[in-house]
Amino acid sequence: MAMHKDDPSFLGRGWPFPPAFDPHTGQVMMVQSEEDIVESLRILMQTRPGERVMQPAYGCRLHDLVFEPMSGETRAAISVAIERAILHFEPRITLTGITVQDDDWIEGRLTIRLDYRIRATNTRNNIVFPFYTTEGTLVSERPVPAG
């Protein structure tokens, strides 16, 4: 099956998380291309290493840093954890920048902005990932492109 040169599905296609179903057809709603990459990054950031039985190394150490005092050292450790996770588990992108904002740290929210380039298309993108540290709020909103 030949792929049309304007068909972005070569970047990937998969289930969203949590899975969603079309109410009319009952079929799984899929994400693809850039949306699949954003979904993959969100899942990677929310997964603790060791959570996946068949892939125990998969994940990002963000949860390990939750109770550390917010300092330049902690922000650097967060950046390194993200860089390593993306380097090992998201080969479709090249990370070009990480910004960690702790303005809402006392309220239990850390905002992480990832700037990246999609390797196959050389397209630049970014997402803002809200990371919640307070109990009962680890279910985060979806990352959104930062204008």
C-alpha atoms as a PDB file:
ATOM      1  CA  MET A   1       0.000   0.000   0.000  1.00  0.00           C
ATOM      2  CA  ALA A   2       1.640   3.242  -1.132  1.00  0.00           C
ATOM      3  CA  MET A   3       1.470   6.220   1.183  1.00  0.00           C
ATOM      4  CA  HIS A   4       0.462   9.591  -0.193  1.00  0.00           C
ATOM      5  CA  LYS A   5       3.200  12.179   0.358  1.00  0.00           C
ATOM      6  CA  ASP A   6       0.753  14.442   2.227  1.00  0.00           C
ATOM      7  CA  ASP A   7      -0.493  11.619   4.484  1.00  0.00           C
ATOM      8  CA  PRO A   8       0.824  12.385   7.995  1.00  0.00           C
ATOM      9  CA  SER A   9      -0.156   8.971   9.411  1.00  0.00           C
ATOM     10  CA  PHE A  10       3.436   7.772   8.964  1.00  0.00           C
ATOM     11  CA  LEU A  11       4.159   9.632  12.215  1.00  0.00           C
ATOM     12  CA  GLY A  12       2.016   7.131  14.066  1.00  0.00           C
ATOM     13  CA  ARG A  13      -1.541   6.194  14.874  1.00  0.00           C
ATOM     14  CA  GLY A  14      -2.905   4.819  18.118  1.00  0.00           C
ATOM     15  CA  TRP A  15      -5.471   4.839  20.861  1.00  0.00           C
ATOM     16  CA  PRO A  16      -5.908   7.941  22.970  1.00  0.00           C
ATOM     17  CA  PHE A  17      -5.509   7.611  26.704  1.00  0.00           C
ATOM     18  CA  PRO A  18      -7.851   7.118  28.320  1.00  0.00           C
ATOM     19  CA  PRO A  19      -9.455   5.171  25.475  1.00  0.00           C
ATOM     20  CA  ALA A  20     -12.451   6.875  23.855  1.00  0.00           C
ATOM     21  CA  PHE A  21     -15.175   5.382  21.698  1.00  0.00           C
ATOM     22  CA  ASP A  22     -17.336   6.886  18.990  1.00  0.00           C
ATOM     23  CA  PRO A  23     -20.877   6.982  20.435  1.00  0.00           C
ATOM     24  CA  HIS A  24     -22.438   6.349  16.992  1.00  0.00           C
ATOM     25  CA  THR A  25     -20.286   3.474  15.740  1.00  0.00           C
ATOM     26  CA  GLY A  26     -18.810   2.078  18.959  1.00  0.00           C
ATOM     27  CA  GLN A  27     -15.370   2.050  17.352  1.00  0.00           C
ATOM     28  CA  VAL A  28     -12.239   3.214  19.113  1.00  0.00           C
ATOM     29  CA  MET A  29     -11.446   6.833  18.365  1.00  0.00           C
ATOM     30  CA  MET A  30      -7.841   7.044  17.154  1.00  0.00           C
ATOM     31  CA  VAL A  31      -5.194   9.753  17.269  1.00  0.00           C
ATOM     32  CA  GLN A  32      -2.539  10.157  14.603  1.00  0.00           C
ATOM     33  CA  SER A  33       0.376  12.265  13.480  1.00  0.00           C
ATOM     34  CA  GLU A  34       1.244  15.218  15.723  1.00  0.00           C
ATOM     35  CA  GLU A  35      -1.679  14.426  18.026  1.00  0.00           C
ATOM     36  CA  ASP A  36      -0.288  10.901  18.511  1.00  0.00           C
ATOM     37  CA  ILE A  37       3.088  12.371  19.466  1.00  0.00           C
ATOM     38  CA  VAL A  38       1.476  14.711  22.021  1.00  0.00           C
ATOM     39  CA  GLU A  39      -0.484  11.779  23.441  1.00  0.00           C
ATOM     40  CA  SER A  40       2.691   9.694  23.624  1.00  0.00           C
ATOM     41  CA  LEU A  41       4.546  12.480  25.456  1.00  0.00           C
ATOM     42  CA  ARG A  42       1.693  12.884  27.936  1.00  0.00           C
ATOM     43  CA  ILE A  43       1.642   9.144  28.672  1.00  0.00           C
ATOM     44  CA  LEU A  44       5.439   9.055  28.988  1.00  0.00           C
ATOM     45  CA  MET A  45       5.444  11.935  31.494  1.00  0.00           C
ATOM     46  CA  GLN A  46       2.652  10.414  33.604  1.00  0.00           C
ATOM     47  CA  THR A  47       4.141   6.913  33.764  1.00  0.00           C
ATOM     48  CA  ARG A  48       6.504   6.024  36.579  1.00  0.00           C
ATOM     49  CA  PRO A  49       9.422   3.746  35.640  1.00  0.00           C
ATOM     50  CA  GLY A  50       8.465   0.250  36.773  1.00  0.00           C
ATOM     51  CA  GLU A  51       4.706   0.663  36.202  1.00  0.00           C
ATOM     52  CA  ARG A  52       4.681  -1.263  32.934  1.00  0.00           C
ATOM     53  CA  VAL A  53       5.288  -4.944  33.519  1.00  0.00           C
ATOM     54  CA  MET A  54       6.578  -5.679  30.019  1.00  0.00           C
ATOM     55  CA  GLN A  55       8.585  -2.435  29.800  1.00  0.00           C
ATOM     56  CA  PRO A  56       9.854  -1.706  33.321  1.00  0.00           C
ATOM     57  CA  ALA A  57      12.251   1.049  32.177  1.00  0.00           C
ATOM     58  CA  TYR A  58       9.482   2.996  30.382  1.00  0.00           C
ATOM     59  CA  GLY A  59       8.421   6.242  32.011  1.00  0.00           C
ATOM     60  CA  CYS A  60       9.708   9.494  33.448  1.00  0.00           C
ATOM     61  CA  ARG A  61      10.989  10.153  36.980  1.00  0.00           C
ATOM     62  CA  LEU A  62       8.746  13.195  37.558  1.00  0.00           C
ATOM     63  CA  HIS A  63       6.906  11.479  40.420  1.00  0.00           C
ATOM     64  CA  ASP A  64      10.230  10.834  42.199  1.00  0.00           C
ATOM     65  CA  LEU A  65      10.780  14.584  42.421  1.00  0.00           C
ATOM     66  CA  VAL A  66       7.353  15.541  43.801  1.00  0.00           C
ATOM     67  CA  PHE A  67       8.423  16.068  47.411  1.00  0.00           C
ATOM     68  CA  GLU A  68      11.775  17.689  46.706  1.00  0.00           C
ATOM     69  CA  PRO A  69      12.110  21.350  47.650  1.00  0.00           C
ATOM     70  CA  MET A  70      11.598  23.446  44.525  1.00  0.00           C
ATOM     71  CA  SER A  71      15.023  24.851  43.722  1.00  0.00           C
ATOM     72  CA  GLY A  72      17.278  25.302  40.735  1.00  0.00           C
ATOM     73  CA  GLU A  73      18.656  21.833  41.424  1.00  0.00           C
ATOM     74  CA  THR A  74      15.173  20.287  41.411  1.00  0.00           C
ATOM     75  CA  ARG A  75      14.230  22.099  38.190  1.00  0.00           C
ATOM     76  CA  ALA A  76      17.454  20.790  36.604  1.00  0.00           C
ATOM     77  CA  ALA A  77      16.668  17.249  37.815  1.00  0.00           C
ATOM     78  CA  ILE A  78      13.183  17.526  36.282  1.00  0.00           C
ATOM     79  CA  SER A  79      14.671  18.653  32.972  1.00  0.00           C
ATOM     80  CA  VAL A  80      17.206  15.810  32.975  1.00  0.00           C
ATOM     81  CA  ALA A  81      14.488  13.235  33.779  1.00  0.00           C
ATOM     82  CA  ILE A  82      12.376  14.498  30.881  1.00  0.00           C
ATOM     83  CA  GLU A  83      15.338  14.617  28.470  1.00  0.00           C
ATOM     84  CA  ARG A  84      16.310  11.029  29.291  1.00  0.00           C
ATOM     85  CA  ALA A  85      12.759   9.710  28.986  1.00  0.00           C
ATOM     86  CA  ILE A  86      12.253  11.382  25.606  1.00  0.00           C
ATOM     87  CA  LEU A  87      15.684  10.294  24.354  1.00  0.00           C
ATOM     88  CA  HIS A  88      14.932   6.657  25.172  1.00  0.00           C
ATOM     89  CA  PHE A  89      11.213   6.390  24.455  1.00  0.00           C
ATOM     90  CA  GLU A  90      10.109   8.986  21.880  1.00  0.00           C
ATOM     91  CA  PRO A  91      12.347   8.669  18.812  1.00  0.00           C
ATOM     92  CA  ARG A  92      10.024  10.699  16.576  1.00  0.00           C
ATOM     93  CA  ILE A  93      11.112  14.018  18.092  1.00  0.00           C
ATOM     94  CA  THR A  94      14.203  16.011  18.958  1.00  0.00           C
ATOM     95  CA  LEU A  95      13.774  18.011  22.141  1.00  0.00           C
ATOM     96  CA  THR A  96      14.883  21.627  21.645  1.00  0.00           C
ATOM     97  CA  GLY A  97      13.913  23.121  25.001  1.00  0.00           C
ATOM     98  CA  ILE A  98      12.333  22.535  28.395  1.00  0.00           C
ATOM     99  CA  THR A  99      10.865  25.246  30.602  1.00  0.00           C
ATOM    100  CA  VAL A 100       9.833  24.355  34.151  1.00  0.00           C
ATOM    101  CA  GLN A 101       7.558  26.909  35.827  1.00  0.00           C
ATOM    102  CA  ASP A 102       6.880  26.488  39.512  1.00  0.00           C
ATOM    103  CA  ASP A 103       4.605  29.519  40.031  1.00  0.00           C
ATOM    104  CA  ASP A 104       1.826  27.240  41.316  1.00  0.00           C
ATOM    105  CA  TRP A 105       4.079  24.778  43.199  1.00  0.00           C
ATOM    106  CA  ILE A 106       2.561  25.631  46.596  1.00  0.00           C
ATOM    107  CA  GLU A 107      -0.907  24.894  45.153  1.00  0.00           C
ATOM    108  CA  GLY A 108       0.384  21.583  43.784  1.00  0.00           C
ATOM    109  CA  ARG A 109       0.924  22.385  40.116  1.00  0.00           C
ATOM    110  CA  LEU A 110       4.110  22.420  38.093  1.00  0.00           C
ATOM    111  CA  THR A 111       3.921  23.600  34.482  1.00  0.00           C
ATOM    112  CA  ILE A 112       6.368  22.098  32.010  1.00  0.00           C
ATOM    113  CA  ARG A 113       6.738  23.401  28.463  1.00  0.00           C
ATOM    114  CA  LEU A 114       8.420  21.152  25.912  1.00  0.00           C
ATOM    115  CA  ASP A 115       9.693  22.584  22.642  1.00  0.00           C
ATOM    116  CA  TYR A 116      10.544  19.958  20.060  1.00  0.00           C
ATOM    117  CA  ARG A 117      11.062  19.248  16.398  1.00  0.00           C
ATOM    118  CA  ILE A 118       9.408  16.306  14.658  1.00  0.00           C
ATOM    119  CA  ARG A 119      12.307  14.547  12.950  1.00  0.00           C
ATOM    120  CA  ALA A 120      10.468  13.161   9.927  1.00  0.00           C
ATOM    121  CA  THR A 121       8.917  16.466   8.912  1.00  0.00           C
ATOM    122  CA  ASN A 122      11.292  18.979  10.553  1.00  0.00           C
ATOM    123  CA  THR A 123       8.170  20.646  12.021  1.00  0.00           C
ATOM    124  CA  ARG A 124       8.602  22.604  15.254  1.00  0.00           C
ATOM    125  CA  ASN A 125       5.999  22.081  17.987  1.00  0.00           C
ATOM    126  CA  ASN A 126       5.520  22.566  21.693  1.00  0.00           C
ATOM    127  CA  ILE A 127       3.204  21.430  24.437  1.00  0.00           C
ATOM    128  CA  VAL A 128       2.509  22.643  27.947  1.00  0.00           C
ATOM    129  CA  PHE A 129       2.213  19.786  30.400  1.00  0.00           C
ATOM    130  CA  PRO A 130       0.571  20.504  33.773  1.00  0.00           C
ATOM    131  CA  PHE A 131       1.995  18.176  36.411  1.00  0.00           C
ATOM    132  CA  TYR A 132      -0.060  17.974  39.601  1.00  0.00           C
ATOM    133  CA  THR A 133       1.602  17.081  42.872  1.00  0.00           C
ATOM    134  CA  THR A 134      -1.352  17.171  45.243  1.00  0.00           C
ATOM    135  CA  GLU A 135      -3.337  14.087  46.135  1.00  0.00           C
ATOM    136  CA  GLY A 136      -6.291  13.326  43.887  1.00  0.00           C
ATOM    137  CA  THR A 137      -5.210  15.647  41.086  1.00  0.00           C
ATOM    138  CA  LEU A 138      -2.739  13.458  39.195  1.00  0.00           C
ATOM    139  CA  VAL A 139      -5.315  13.094  36.432  1.00  0.00           C
ATOM    140  CA  SER A 140      -4.137  16.051  34.409  1.00  0.00           C
ATOM    141  CA  GLU A 141      -5.758  17.986  31.659  1.00  0.00           C
ATOM    142  CA  ARG A 142      -4.489  17.318  28.183  1.00  0.00           C
ATOM    143  CA  PRO A 143      -1.333  19.163  27.139  1.00  0.00           C
ATOM    144  CA  VAL A 144      -2.034  22.065  24.834  1.00  0.00           C
ATOM    145  CA  PRO A 145       0.138  23.723  22.200  1.00  0.00           C
ATOM    146  CA  ALA A 146       1.716  26.814  23.669  1.00  0.00           C
ATOM    147  CA  GLY A 147       0.803  29.737  21.392  1.00  0.00           C
END
